[in-house]
Amino acid sequence: MRARILDICGELFRELGFDATSIDDIVERCGISRQTFFNYFPGKDAVLGELGLRWLESQVVAPRAGADGAGHGGVLTGMRSAIAAQARAIEAEADFLRLVVTRSQIFGALQGRVSDQRREKIDNLFDAIAGVIALGQSNGEISANFDPRVAAETIVSTMFMAVRLWATEHWDDDVPLEARMMRALDVIETGLRVR
């Protein structure tokens, strides 16, 4: 039932907008009572947070898949391709992901104490990217002079900030999110590569 509520809310938030979606809309489409909804979630904000965690969890496999599929291009090329694909996917669902970024607590995870569930999702993402960095270190592509986890945290933090700035329309130009993320990754890669 929890997964069904999340799926229905994701549909409704996309169709009607977050603010225009009422609890009554949700329970009607789910075919449940208000009490059943509140047994699973304290309100719409909690649902949005869960949808954000779902999105974050879906991002964990992309960096490793990109690195594994890089072939002769190397792990950094593969990771770059995966991050570019993530940026395009975010832009394809711009309205919904702007809502997730600006209204849920998923991108507020750097502020204050985070829940164990959110910490686990973020740690999984860090670990996936740290694995890619370690692979690049073992094949001589990436400098072995730093901890892969620190590099992963730097990459994720930079990409999260780029998404947050994009979502809040911080920039006054029309540069796509993908281009912004690639520029940031250029800076990071300069430090990662073996000289």
N, C-alpha and C. Protein backbone atom coordinates (compact mmCIF):
# COMPACT_ATOMS: atom_id res chain seq x y z
N MET A 1 0.83 -1.19 0.00
CA MET A 1 0.00 0.00 0.00
C MET A 1 0.87 1.26 0.00
N ARG A 2 1.97 1.21 0.75
CA ARG A 2 2.87 2.37 0.79
C ARG A 2 3.38 2.70 -0.61
N ALA A 3 3.83 1.66 -1.34
CA ALA A 3 4.33 1.87 -2.70
C ALA A 3 3.22 2.40 -3.61
N ARG A 4 2.00 1.90 -3.43
CA ARG A 4 0.87 2.36 -4.26
C ARG A 4 0.60 3.84 -3.99
N ILE A 5 0.61 4.23 -2.73
CA ILE A 5 0.38 5.64 -2.39
C ILE A 5 1.47 6.50 -3.04
N LEU A 6 2.71 6.06 -2.96
CA LEU A 6 3.80 6.81 -3.57
C LEU A 6 3.61 6.94 -5.07
N ASP A 7 3.27 5.84 -5.72
CA ASP A 7 3.06 5.87 -7.17
C ASP A 7 1.94 6.84 -7.55
N ILE A 8 0.82 6.75 -6.83
CA ILE A 8 -0.33 7.62 -7.12
C ILE A 8 0.03 9.08 -6.86
N CYS A 9 0.71 9.33 -5.77
CA CYS A 9 1.10 10.72 -5.47
C CYS A 9 2.05 11.26 -6.54
N GLY A 10 2.98 10.43 -6.99
CA GLY A 10 3.88 10.85 -8.06
C GLY A 10 3.09 11.26 -9.30
N GLU A 11 2.08 10.46 -9.63
CA GLU A 11 1.21 10.79 -10.78
C GLU A 11 0.46 12.09 -10.54
N LEU A 12 -0.17 12.21 -9.38
CA LEU A 12 -0.98 13.40 -9.09
C LEU A 12 -0.13 14.67 -9.02
N PHE A 13 1.02 14.58 -8.38
CA PHE A 13 1.88 15.76 -8.27
C PHE A 13 2.30 16.23 -9.66
N ARG A 14 2.55 15.28 -10.57
CA ARG A 14 2.92 15.63 -11.94
C ARG A 14 1.72 16.22 -12.70
N GLU A 15 0.54 15.61 -12.52
CA GLU A 15 -0.67 16.05 -13.24
C GLU A 15 -1.22 17.37 -12.74
N LEU A 16 -1.43 17.44 -11.42
CA LEU A 16 -2.13 18.59 -10.83
C LEU A 16 -1.20 19.63 -10.22
N GLY A 17 0.00 19.21 -9.88
CA GLY A 17 0.91 20.05 -9.11
C GLY A 17 0.80 19.67 -7.65
N PHE A 18 1.86 19.92 -6.92
CA PHE A 18 1.91 19.53 -5.50
C PHE A 18 0.86 20.28 -4.69
N ASP A 19 0.84 21.59 -4.82
CA ASP A 19 -0.08 22.40 -4.00
C ASP A 19 -1.54 22.13 -4.33
N ALA A 20 -1.83 21.84 -5.60
CA ALA A 20 -3.22 21.61 -6.01
C ALA A 20 -3.71 20.21 -5.68
N THR A 21 -2.81 19.31 -5.36
CA THR A 21 -3.21 17.94 -5.00
C THR A 21 -3.60 17.91 -3.52
N SER A 22 -4.82 17.47 -3.25
CA SER A 22 -5.29 17.37 -1.87
C SER A 22 -5.18 15.93 -1.38
N ILE A 23 -5.26 15.77 -0.09
CA ILE A 23 -5.28 14.42 0.49
C ILE A 23 -6.50 13.68 -0.05
N ASP A 24 -7.62 14.39 -0.21
CA ASP A 24 -8.82 13.76 -0.78
C ASP A 24 -8.57 13.24 -2.19
N ASP A 25 -7.82 14.00 -3.00
CA ASP A 25 -7.47 13.53 -4.35
C ASP A 25 -6.68 12.22 -4.26
N ILE A 26 -5.76 12.19 -3.33
CA ILE A 26 -4.89 11.02 -3.18
C ILE A 26 -5.69 9.80 -2.76
N VAL A 27 -6.49 9.95 -1.70
CA VAL A 27 -7.23 8.78 -1.20
C VAL A 27 -8.27 8.31 -2.19
N GLU A 28 -8.86 9.26 -2.92
CA GLU A 28 -9.85 8.86 -3.93
C GLU A 28 -9.20 8.03 -5.03
N ARG A 29 -8.06 8.50 -5.54
CA ARG A 29 -7.40 7.75 -6.61
C ARG A 29 -6.85 6.43 -6.11
N CYS A 30 -6.41 6.38 -4.86
CA CYS A 30 -5.88 5.13 -4.29
C CYS A 30 -7.00 4.16 -3.90
N GLY A 31 -8.20 4.70 -3.69
CA GLY A 31 -9.30 3.86 -3.22
C GLY A 31 -9.15 3.46 -1.77
N ILE A 32 -8.63 4.39 -0.96
CA ILE A 32 -8.41 4.13 0.47
C ILE A 32 -9.06 5.24 1.28
N SER A 33 -9.08 5.05 2.60
CA SER A 33 -9.61 6.08 3.49
C SER A 33 -8.50 7.07 3.85
N ARG A 34 -8.92 8.22 4.36
CA ARG A 34 -7.93 9.20 4.84
C ARG A 34 -7.08 8.58 5.94
N GLN A 35 -7.71 7.81 6.83
CA GLN A 35 -6.98 7.19 7.93
C GLN A 35 -5.89 6.25 7.41
N THR A 36 -6.22 5.50 6.35
CA THR A 36 -5.21 4.60 5.78
C THR A 36 -4.02 5.39 5.25
N PHE A 37 -4.32 6.50 4.56
CA PHE A 37 -3.23 7.35 4.08
C PHE A 37 -2.36 7.79 5.26
N PHE A 38 -3.00 8.28 6.32
CA PHE A 38 -2.24 8.80 7.46
C PHE A 38 -1.56 7.70 8.27
N ASN A 39 -1.97 6.46 8.08
CA ASN A 39 -1.24 5.34 8.71
C ASN A 39 0.14 5.19 8.08
N TYR A 40 0.27 5.62 6.83
CA TYR A 40 1.53 5.46 6.11
C TYR A 40 2.36 6.74 6.06
N PHE A 41 1.70 7.88 5.98
CA PHE A 41 2.40 9.15 5.84
C PHE A 41 1.71 10.22 6.68
N PRO A 42 2.49 11.09 7.34
CA PRO A 42 1.88 12.17 8.12
C PRO A 42 1.31 13.29 7.25
N GLY A 43 1.67 13.34 5.97
CA GLY A 43 1.17 14.38 5.08
C GLY A 43 1.84 14.32 3.72
N LYS A 44 1.48 15.25 2.86
CA LYS A 44 2.02 15.28 1.49
C LYS A 44 3.53 15.54 1.49
N ASP A 45 4.01 16.35 2.42
CA ASP A 45 5.45 16.64 2.45
C ASP A 45 6.26 15.36 2.66
N ALA A 46 5.76 14.48 3.52
CA ALA A 46 6.46 13.22 3.77
C ALA A 46 6.47 12.35 2.51
N VAL A 47 5.36 12.37 1.78
CA VAL A 47 5.31 11.61 0.52
C VAL A 47 6.34 12.17 -0.46
N LEU A 48 6.40 13.48 -0.57
CA LEU A 48 7.35 14.10 -1.49
C LEU A 48 8.78 13.73 -1.10
N GLY A 49 9.07 13.71 0.19
CA GLY A 49 10.40 13.29 0.65
C GLY A 49 10.72 11.86 0.24
N GLU A 50 9.73 10.98 0.37
CA GLU A 50 9.92 9.58 -0.05
C GLU A 50 10.14 9.48 -1.55
N LEU A 51 9.40 10.28 -2.32
CA LEU A 51 9.60 10.28 -3.77
C LEU A 51 11.01 10.77 -4.11
N GLY A 52 11.51 11.73 -3.35
CA GLY A 52 12.88 12.19 -3.53
C GLY A 52 13.89 11.10 -3.22
N LEU A 53 13.64 10.35 -2.15
CA LEU A 53 14.53 9.23 -1.81
C LEU A 53 14.50 8.16 -2.89
N ARG A 54 13.32 7.90 -3.43
CA ARG A 54 13.21 6.94 -4.54
C ARG A 54 14.07 7.40 -5.72
N TRP A 55 13.97 8.68 -6.05
CA TRP A 55 14.75 9.20 -7.16
C TRP A 55 16.24 9.04 -6.88
N LEU A 56 16.65 9.42 -5.66
CA LEU A 56 18.06 9.30 -5.30
C LEU A 56 18.53 7.86 -5.40
N GLU A 57 17.71 6.94 -4.92
CA GLU A 57 18.08 5.53 -4.97
C GLU A 57 18.24 5.07 -6.42
N SER A 58 17.42 5.59 -7.31
CA SER A 58 17.52 5.19 -8.72
C SER A 58 18.82 5.70 -9.35
N GLN A 59 19.45 6.70 -8.76
CA GLN A 59 20.67 7.27 -9.31
C GLN A 59 21.92 6.49 -8.91
N VAL A 60 21.81 5.59 -7.95
CA VAL A 60 22.98 4.90 -7.42
C VAL A 60 23.66 4.03 -8.47
N VAL A 61 22.91 3.40 -9.35
CA VAL A 61 23.51 2.46 -10.30
C VAL A 61 24.16 3.17 -11.49
N ALA A 62 23.77 4.39 -11.78
CA ALA A 62 24.22 5.06 -13.01
C ALA A 62 25.74 5.24 -13.09
N PRO A 63 26.42 5.76 -12.06
CA PRO A 63 27.87 5.97 -12.21
C PRO A 63 28.64 4.68 -12.48
N ARG A 64 28.29 3.62 -11.76
CA ARG A 64 28.99 2.35 -11.96
C ARG A 64 28.68 1.77 -13.34
N ALA A 65 27.41 1.86 -13.74
CA ALA A 65 27.02 1.36 -15.06
C ALA A 65 27.76 2.13 -16.15
N GLY A 66 27.89 3.43 -15.97
CA GLY A 66 28.61 4.25 -16.94
C GLY A 66 30.08 3.86 -17.00
N ALA A 67 30.69 3.64 -15.86
CA ALA A 67 32.11 3.27 -15.81
C ALA A 67 32.32 1.88 -16.41
N ASP A 68 31.41 0.95 -16.08
CA ASP A 68 31.54 -0.41 -16.61
C ASP A 68 31.36 -0.44 -18.12
N GLY A 69 30.52 0.46 -18.64
CA GLY A 69 30.26 0.48 -20.07
C GLY A 69 31.20 1.40 -20.85
N ALA A 70 32.20 1.95 -20.19
CA ALA A 70 33.07 2.93 -20.84
C ALA A 70 34.03 2.32 -21.85
N GLY A 71 34.32 1.03 -21.69
CA GLY A 71 35.26 0.38 -22.61
C GLY A 71 36.61 1.04 -22.56
N HIS A 72 37.12 1.40 -23.72
CA HIS A 72 38.46 1.98 -23.81
C HIS A 72 38.50 3.45 -23.43
N GLY A 73 37.36 4.05 -23.23
CA GLY A 73 37.32 5.45 -22.86
C GLY A 73 37.74 5.71 -21.43
N GLY A 74 37.75 4.70 -20.59
CA GLY A 74 38.14 4.84 -19.20
C GLY A 74 36.95 5.12 -18.29
N VAL A 75 37.20 4.98 -17.00
CA VAL A 75 36.11 5.13 -16.03
C VAL A 75 35.61 6.57 -15.94
N LEU A 76 36.50 7.54 -16.09
CA LEU A 76 36.05 8.93 -16.02
C LEU A 76 35.13 9.27 -17.19
N THR A 77 35.45 8.77 -18.36
CA THR A 77 34.58 8.99 -19.52
C THR A 77 33.22 8.35 -19.29
N GLY A 78 33.23 7.14 -18.76
CA GLY A 78 31.97 6.46 -18.47
C GLY A 78 31.16 7.17 -17.40
N MET A 79 31.83 7.63 -16.34
CA MET A 79 31.14 8.35 -15.28
C MET A 79 30.57 9.67 -15.83
N ARG A 80 31.33 10.34 -16.66
CA ARG A 80 30.87 11.58 -17.28
C ARG A 80 29.60 11.32 -18.10
N SER A 81 29.61 10.23 -18.88
CA SER A 81 28.43 9.89 -19.68
C SER A 81 27.22 9.62 -18.80
N ALA A 82 27.44 8.92 -17.68
CA ALA A 82 26.34 8.61 -16.77
C ALA A 82 25.78 9.87 -16.13
N ILE A 83 26.66 10.79 -15.73
CA ILE A 83 26.21 12.04 -15.11
C ILE A 83 25.47 12.91 -16.14
N ALA A 84 25.95 12.92 -17.37
CA ALA A 84 25.27 13.68 -18.43
C ALA A 84 23.87 13.10 -18.66
N ALA A 85 23.76 11.78 -18.65
CA ALA A 85 22.46 11.13 -18.83
C ALA A 85 21.53 11.48 -17.66
N GLN A 86 22.08 11.52 -16.44
CA GLN A 86 21.27 11.91 -15.29
C GLN A 86 20.76 13.35 -15.45
N ALA A 87 21.62 14.23 -15.91
CA ALA A 87 21.21 15.63 -16.10
C ALA A 87 20.10 15.73 -17.13
N ARG A 88 20.22 14.98 -18.22
CA ARG A 88 19.16 15.00 -19.24
C ARG A 88 17.85 14.45 -18.69
N ALA A 89 17.94 13.40 -17.86
CA ALA A 89 16.73 12.82 -17.25
C ALA A 89 16.08 13.82 -16.30
N ILE A 90 16.88 14.57 -15.56
CA ILE A 90 16.35 15.59 -14.66
C ILE A 90 15.64 16.67 -15.47
N GLU A 91 16.30 17.14 -16.52
CA GLU A 91 15.69 18.19 -17.34
C GLU A 91 14.43 17.71 -18.05
N ALA A 92 14.34 16.42 -18.36
CA ALA A 92 13.15 15.87 -19.02
C ALA A 92 11.93 15.91 -18.09
N GLU A 93 12.17 15.88 -16.80
CA GLU A 93 11.09 15.97 -15.82
C GLU A 93 11.31 17.20 -14.95
N ALA A 94 11.62 18.30 -15.59
CA ALA A 94 12.04 19.51 -14.89
C ALA A 94 11.05 19.97 -13.82
N ASP A 95 9.79 20.06 -14.13
CA ASP A 95 8.82 20.57 -13.15
C ASP A 95 8.76 19.70 -11.91
N PHE A 96 8.67 18.38 -12.13
CA PHE A 96 8.57 17.48 -10.99
C PHE A 96 9.84 17.50 -10.16
N LEU A 97 11.00 17.44 -10.80
CA LEU A 97 12.24 17.40 -10.03
C LEU A 97 12.57 18.74 -9.39
N ARG A 98 12.13 19.84 -9.99
CA ARG A 98 12.26 21.13 -9.30
C ARG A 98 11.45 21.09 -7.99
N LEU A 99 10.28 20.50 -8.05
CA LEU A 99 9.45 20.35 -6.86
C LEU A 99 10.17 19.50 -5.81
N VAL A 100 10.71 18.37 -6.22
CA VAL A 100 11.42 17.48 -5.29
C VAL A 100 12.60 18.21 -4.66
N VAL A 101 13.37 18.91 -5.48
CA VAL A 101 14.58 19.58 -4.98
C VAL A 101 14.23 20.74 -4.06
N THR A 102 13.23 21.53 -4.41
CA THR A 102 12.95 22.74 -3.63
C THR A 102 12.01 22.52 -2.45
N ARG A 103 11.16 21.49 -2.52
CA ARG A 103 10.16 21.33 -1.47
C ARG A 103 10.35 20.11 -0.58
N SER A 104 11.12 19.11 -1.03
CA SER A 104 11.33 17.94 -0.17
C SER A 104 12.60 18.17 0.64
N GLN A 105 12.82 17.29 1.58
CA GLN A 105 14.01 17.39 2.40
C GLN A 105 15.20 16.63 1.82
N ILE A 106 15.02 16.00 0.65
CA ILE A 106 16.09 15.19 0.11
C ILE A 106 17.35 16.00 -0.17
N PHE A 107 17.20 17.21 -0.68
CA PHE A 107 18.37 18.04 -0.94
C PHE A 107 18.72 18.90 0.26
N GLY A 108 17.92 18.81 1.30
CA GLY A 108 18.24 19.49 2.55
C GLY A 108 19.04 18.59 3.47
N ALA A 109 19.46 17.44 2.94
CA ALA A 109 20.15 16.45 3.77
C ALA A 109 21.47 16.96 4.32
N LEU A 110 22.00 18.03 3.74
CA LEU A 110 23.27 18.55 4.23
C LEU A 110 23.06 19.48 5.41
N GLN A 111 21.79 19.75 5.74
CA GLN A 111 21.49 20.64 6.85
C GLN A 111 20.99 19.83 8.04
N GLY A 112 21.63 20.01 9.16
CA GLY A 112 21.15 19.37 10.38
C GLY A 112 21.26 17.85 10.34
N ARG A 113 20.57 17.21 11.25
CA ARG A 113 20.60 15.76 11.38
C ARG A 113 19.71 15.13 10.31
N VAL A 114 20.21 14.07 9.70
CA VAL A 114 19.43 13.39 8.67
C VAL A 114 18.92 12.06 9.21
N SER A 115 17.84 11.58 8.64
CA SER A 115 17.30 10.29 9.05
C SER A 115 18.25 9.18 8.62
N ASP A 116 18.15 8.05 9.29
CA ASP A 116 18.99 6.91 8.93
C ASP A 116 18.71 6.45 7.50
N GLN A 117 17.44 6.51 7.09
CA GLN A 117 17.09 6.10 5.73
C GLN A 117 17.72 7.02 4.69
N ARG A 118 17.64 8.30 4.92
CA ARG A 118 18.24 9.25 3.98
C ARG A 118 19.76 9.10 3.97
N ARG A 119 20.35 8.93 5.14
CA ARG A 119 21.81 8.74 5.22
C ARG A 119 22.22 7.49 4.43
N GLU A 120 21.45 6.42 4.55
CA GLU A 120 21.78 5.19 3.83
C GLU A 120 21.72 5.41 2.32
N LYS A 121 20.69 6.10 1.82
CA LYS A 121 20.56 6.35 0.39
C LYS A 121 21.73 7.20 -0.12
N ILE A 122 22.09 8.22 0.63
CA ILE A 122 23.20 9.09 0.23
C ILE A 122 24.51 8.33 0.31
N ASP A 123 24.69 7.53 1.36
CA ASP A 123 25.91 6.73 1.48
C ASP A 123 26.03 5.72 0.34
N ASN A 124 24.91 5.15 -0.08
CA ASN A 124 24.95 4.22 -1.21
C ASN A 124 25.44 4.91 -2.48
N LEU A 125 25.00 6.15 -2.68
CA LEU A 125 25.46 6.91 -3.84
C LEU A 125 26.95 7.22 -3.72
N PHE A 126 27.39 7.65 -2.53
CA PHE A 126 28.81 7.89 -2.31
C PHE A 126 29.62 6.62 -2.59
N ASP A 127 29.14 5.48 -2.07
CA ASP A 127 29.86 4.22 -2.24
C ASP A 127 29.95 3.81 -3.71
N ALA A 128 28.86 4.03 -4.47
CA ALA A 128 28.88 3.67 -5.89
C ALA A 128 29.94 4.47 -6.63
N ILE A 129 30.00 5.75 -6.36
CA ILE A 129 30.99 6.60 -7.04
C ILE A 129 32.40 6.32 -6.51
N ALA A 130 32.53 6.06 -5.21
CA ALA A 130 33.85 5.70 -4.66
C ALA A 130 34.37 4.43 -5.32
N GLY A 131 33.48 3.49 -5.63
CA GLY A 131 33.88 2.26 -6.32
C GLY A 131 34.43 2.56 -7.70
N VAL A 132 33.82 3.51 -8.40
CA VAL A 132 34.29 3.92 -9.72
C VAL A 132 35.67 4.58 -9.59
N ILE A 133 35.81 5.45 -8.60
CA ILE A 133 37.11 6.12 -8.38
C ILE A 133 38.18 5.08 -8.07
N ALA A 134 37.89 4.13 -7.19
CA ALA A 134 38.85 3.09 -6.84
C ALA A 134 39.23 2.26 -8.07
N LEU A 135 38.26 1.98 -8.93
CA LEU A 135 38.54 1.26 -10.17
C LEU A 135 39.50 2.06 -11.05
N GLY A 136 39.26 3.36 -11.16
CA GLY A 136 40.16 4.22 -11.92
C GLY A 136 41.55 4.30 -11.31
N GLN A 137 41.62 4.25 -9.98
CA GLN A 137 42.93 4.25 -9.32
C GLN A 137 43.66 2.94 -9.61
N SER A 138 42.93 1.84 -9.58
CA SER A 138 43.58 0.54 -9.80
C SER A 138 44.08 0.37 -11.24
N ASN A 139 43.42 1.04 -12.20
CA ASN A 139 43.88 0.91 -13.59
C ASN A 139 44.82 2.04 -14.00
N GLY A 140 45.20 2.92 -13.05
CA GLY A 140 46.17 3.97 -13.31
C GLY A 140 45.61 5.22 -13.97
N GLU A 141 44.31 5.30 -14.13
CA GLU A 141 43.69 6.45 -14.77
C GLU A 141 43.53 7.62 -13.78
N ILE A 142 43.26 7.29 -12.53
CA ILE A 142 43.01 8.29 -11.51
C ILE A 142 44.11 8.23 -10.47
N SER A 143 44.54 9.39 -10.02
CA SER A 143 45.59 9.48 -9.02
C SER A 143 45.22 8.71 -7.75
N ALA A 144 46.20 8.02 -7.21
CA ALA A 144 45.99 7.26 -5.97
C ALA A 144 46.30 8.10 -4.73
N ASN A 145 46.47 9.42 -4.90
CA ASN A 145 46.89 10.29 -3.80
C ASN A 145 45.76 10.75 -2.90
N PHE A 146 44.57 10.21 -3.06
CA PHE A 146 43.47 10.63 -2.18
C PHE A 146 42.51 9.49 -1.97
N ASP A 147 41.67 9.64 -0.99
CA ASP A 147 40.68 8.64 -0.61
C ASP A 147 39.52 8.67 -1.62
N PRO A 148 39.14 7.52 -2.20
CA PRO A 148 38.04 7.48 -3.15
C PRO A 148 36.72 8.00 -2.57
N ARG A 149 36.51 7.78 -1.28
CA ARG A 149 35.26 8.24 -0.65
C ARG A 149 35.21 9.77 -0.62
N VAL A 150 36.33 10.40 -0.33
CA VAL A 150 36.38 11.87 -0.31
C VAL A 150 36.11 12.41 -1.72
N ALA A 151 36.70 11.78 -2.72
CA ALA A 151 36.44 12.19 -4.11
C ALA A 151 34.96 12.02 -4.46
N ALA A 152 34.37 10.91 -4.03
CA ALA A 152 32.95 10.65 -4.30
C ALA A 152 32.07 11.70 -3.63
N GLU A 153 32.37 12.02 -2.38
CA GLU A 153 31.59 13.03 -1.67
C GLU A 153 31.70 14.39 -2.36
N THR A 154 32.88 14.69 -2.88
CA THR A 154 33.09 15.96 -3.59
C THR A 154 32.27 16.00 -4.88
N ILE A 155 32.29 14.91 -5.62
CA ILE A 155 31.53 14.84 -6.88
C ILE A 155 30.04 14.95 -6.60
N VAL A 156 29.54 14.16 -5.66
CA VAL A 156 28.10 14.17 -5.36
C VAL A 156 27.67 15.54 -4.85
N SER A 157 28.44 16.12 -3.96
CA SER A 157 28.10 17.44 -3.42
C SER A 157 28.06 18.49 -4.53
N THR A 158 29.02 18.43 -5.43
CA THR A 158 29.07 19.39 -6.54
C THR A 158 27.86 19.21 -7.45
N MET A 159 27.53 17.97 -7.79
CA MET A 159 26.39 17.71 -8.67
C MET A 159 25.07 18.10 -7.98
N PHE A 160 24.94 17.79 -6.69
CA PHE A 160 23.74 18.19 -5.94
C PHE A 160 23.58 19.71 -5.95
N MET A 161 24.69 20.41 -5.74
CA MET A 161 24.60 21.88 -5.72
C MET A 161 24.23 22.41 -7.09
N ALA A 162 24.77 21.83 -8.14
CA ALA A 162 24.39 22.26 -9.50
C ALA A 162 22.90 22.06 -9.72
N VAL A 163 22.38 20.92 -9.29
CA VAL A 163 20.94 20.64 -9.44
C VAL A 163 20.13 21.62 -8.61
N ARG A 164 20.58 21.89 -7.40
CA ARG A 164 19.84 22.81 -6.53
C ARG A 164 19.82 24.23 -7.13
N LEU A 165 20.95 24.69 -7.62
CA LEU A 165 21.00 26.02 -8.25
C LEU A 165 20.12 26.07 -9.49
N TRP A 166 20.12 24.99 -10.26
CA TRP A 166 19.25 24.91 -11.44
C TRP A 166 17.78 24.94 -11.01
N ALA A 167 17.44 24.14 -10.01
CA ALA A 167 16.05 24.03 -9.57
C ALA A 167 15.50 25.34 -9.02
N THR A 168 16.36 26.12 -8.40
CA THR A 168 15.92 27.40 -7.82
C THR A 168 16.11 28.56 -8.80
N GLU A 169 16.48 28.21 -10.04
CA GLU A 169 16.67 29.20 -11.10
C GLU A 169 17.64 30.31 -10.68
N HIS A 170 18.73 29.86 -10.06
CA HIS A 170 19.77 30.77 -9.57
C HIS A 170 20.44 31.54 -10.72
N TRP A 171 20.67 30.84 -11.84
CA TRP A 171 21.39 31.44 -12.95
C TRP A 171 20.44 32.23 -13.84
N ASP A 172 20.93 33.33 -14.39
CA ASP A 172 20.11 34.19 -15.25
C ASP A 172 20.29 33.89 -16.74
N ASP A 173 20.90 32.76 -17.07
CA ASP A 173 21.11 32.43 -18.47
C ASP A 173 20.38 31.13 -18.82
N ASP A 174 20.51 30.72 -20.06
CA ASP A 174 19.81 29.53 -20.53
C ASP A 174 20.73 28.33 -20.69
N VAL A 175 21.83 28.30 -19.96
CA VAL A 175 22.75 27.17 -20.05
C VAL A 175 22.07 25.94 -19.45
N PRO A 176 21.97 24.85 -20.21
CA PRO A 176 21.29 23.66 -19.70
C PRO A 176 22.02 23.05 -18.50
N LEU A 177 21.25 22.33 -17.69
CA LEU A 177 21.83 21.67 -16.51
C LEU A 177 22.98 20.75 -16.90
N GLU A 178 22.82 20.00 -17.97
CA GLU A 178 23.88 19.08 -18.39
C GLU A 178 25.20 19.83 -18.61
N ALA A 179 25.15 20.96 -19.30
CA ALA A 179 26.36 21.74 -19.55
C ALA A 179 26.97 22.25 -18.25
N ARG A 180 26.12 22.69 -17.33
CA ARG A 180 26.61 23.16 -16.02
C ARG A 180 27.32 22.03 -15.28
N MET A 181 26.68 20.85 -15.28
CA MET A 181 27.27 19.73 -14.56
C MET A 181 28.58 19.28 -15.20
N MET A 182 28.65 19.33 -16.53
CA MET A 182 29.89 18.93 -17.22
C MET A 182 31.02 19.92 -16.92
N ARG A 183 30.70 21.21 -16.85
CA ARG A 183 31.72 22.21 -16.50
C ARG A 183 32.27 21.95 -15.10
N ALA A 184 31.37 21.65 -14.17
CA ALA A 184 31.82 21.36 -12.80
C ALA A 184 32.66 20.08 -12.78
N LEU A 185 32.24 19.10 -13.54
CA LEU A 185 32.99 17.84 -13.59
C LEU A 185 34.36 18.04 -14.23
N ASP A 186 34.48 18.96 -15.18
CA ASP A 186 35.79 19.28 -15.77
C ASP A 186 36.78 19.70 -14.69
N VAL A 187 36.31 20.55 -13.80
CA VAL A 187 37.17 21.04 -12.71
C VAL A 187 37.59 19.88 -11.81
N ILE A 188 36.63 19.04 -11.45
CA ILE A 188 36.93 17.92 -10.56
C ILE A 188 37.88 16.93 -11.24
N GLU A 189 37.60 16.61 -12.50
CA GLU A 189 38.44 15.65 -13.22
C GLU A 189 39.89 16.12 -13.34
N THR A 190 40.09 17.42 -13.46
CA THR A 190 41.45 17.94 -13.54
C THR A 190 42.24 17.53 -12.31
N GLY A 191 41.62 17.54 -11.17
CA GLY A 191 42.28 17.12 -9.94
C GLY A 191 42.41 15.62 -9.80
N LEU A 192 41.51 14.85 -10.44
CA LEU A 192 41.53 13.40 -10.29
C LEU A 192 42.55 12.71 -11.18
N ARG A 193 42.75 13.25 -12.36
CA ARG A 193 43.59 12.56 -13.35
C ARG A 193 45.05 12.46 -12.90
N VAL A 194 45.65 11.36 -13.29
CA VAL A 194 47.09 11.17 -13.07
C VAL A 194 47.82 12.13 -13.99
N ARG A 195 48.79 12.84 -13.43
CA ARG A 195 49.57 13.79 -14.24
C ARG A 195 50.81 13.11 -14.78
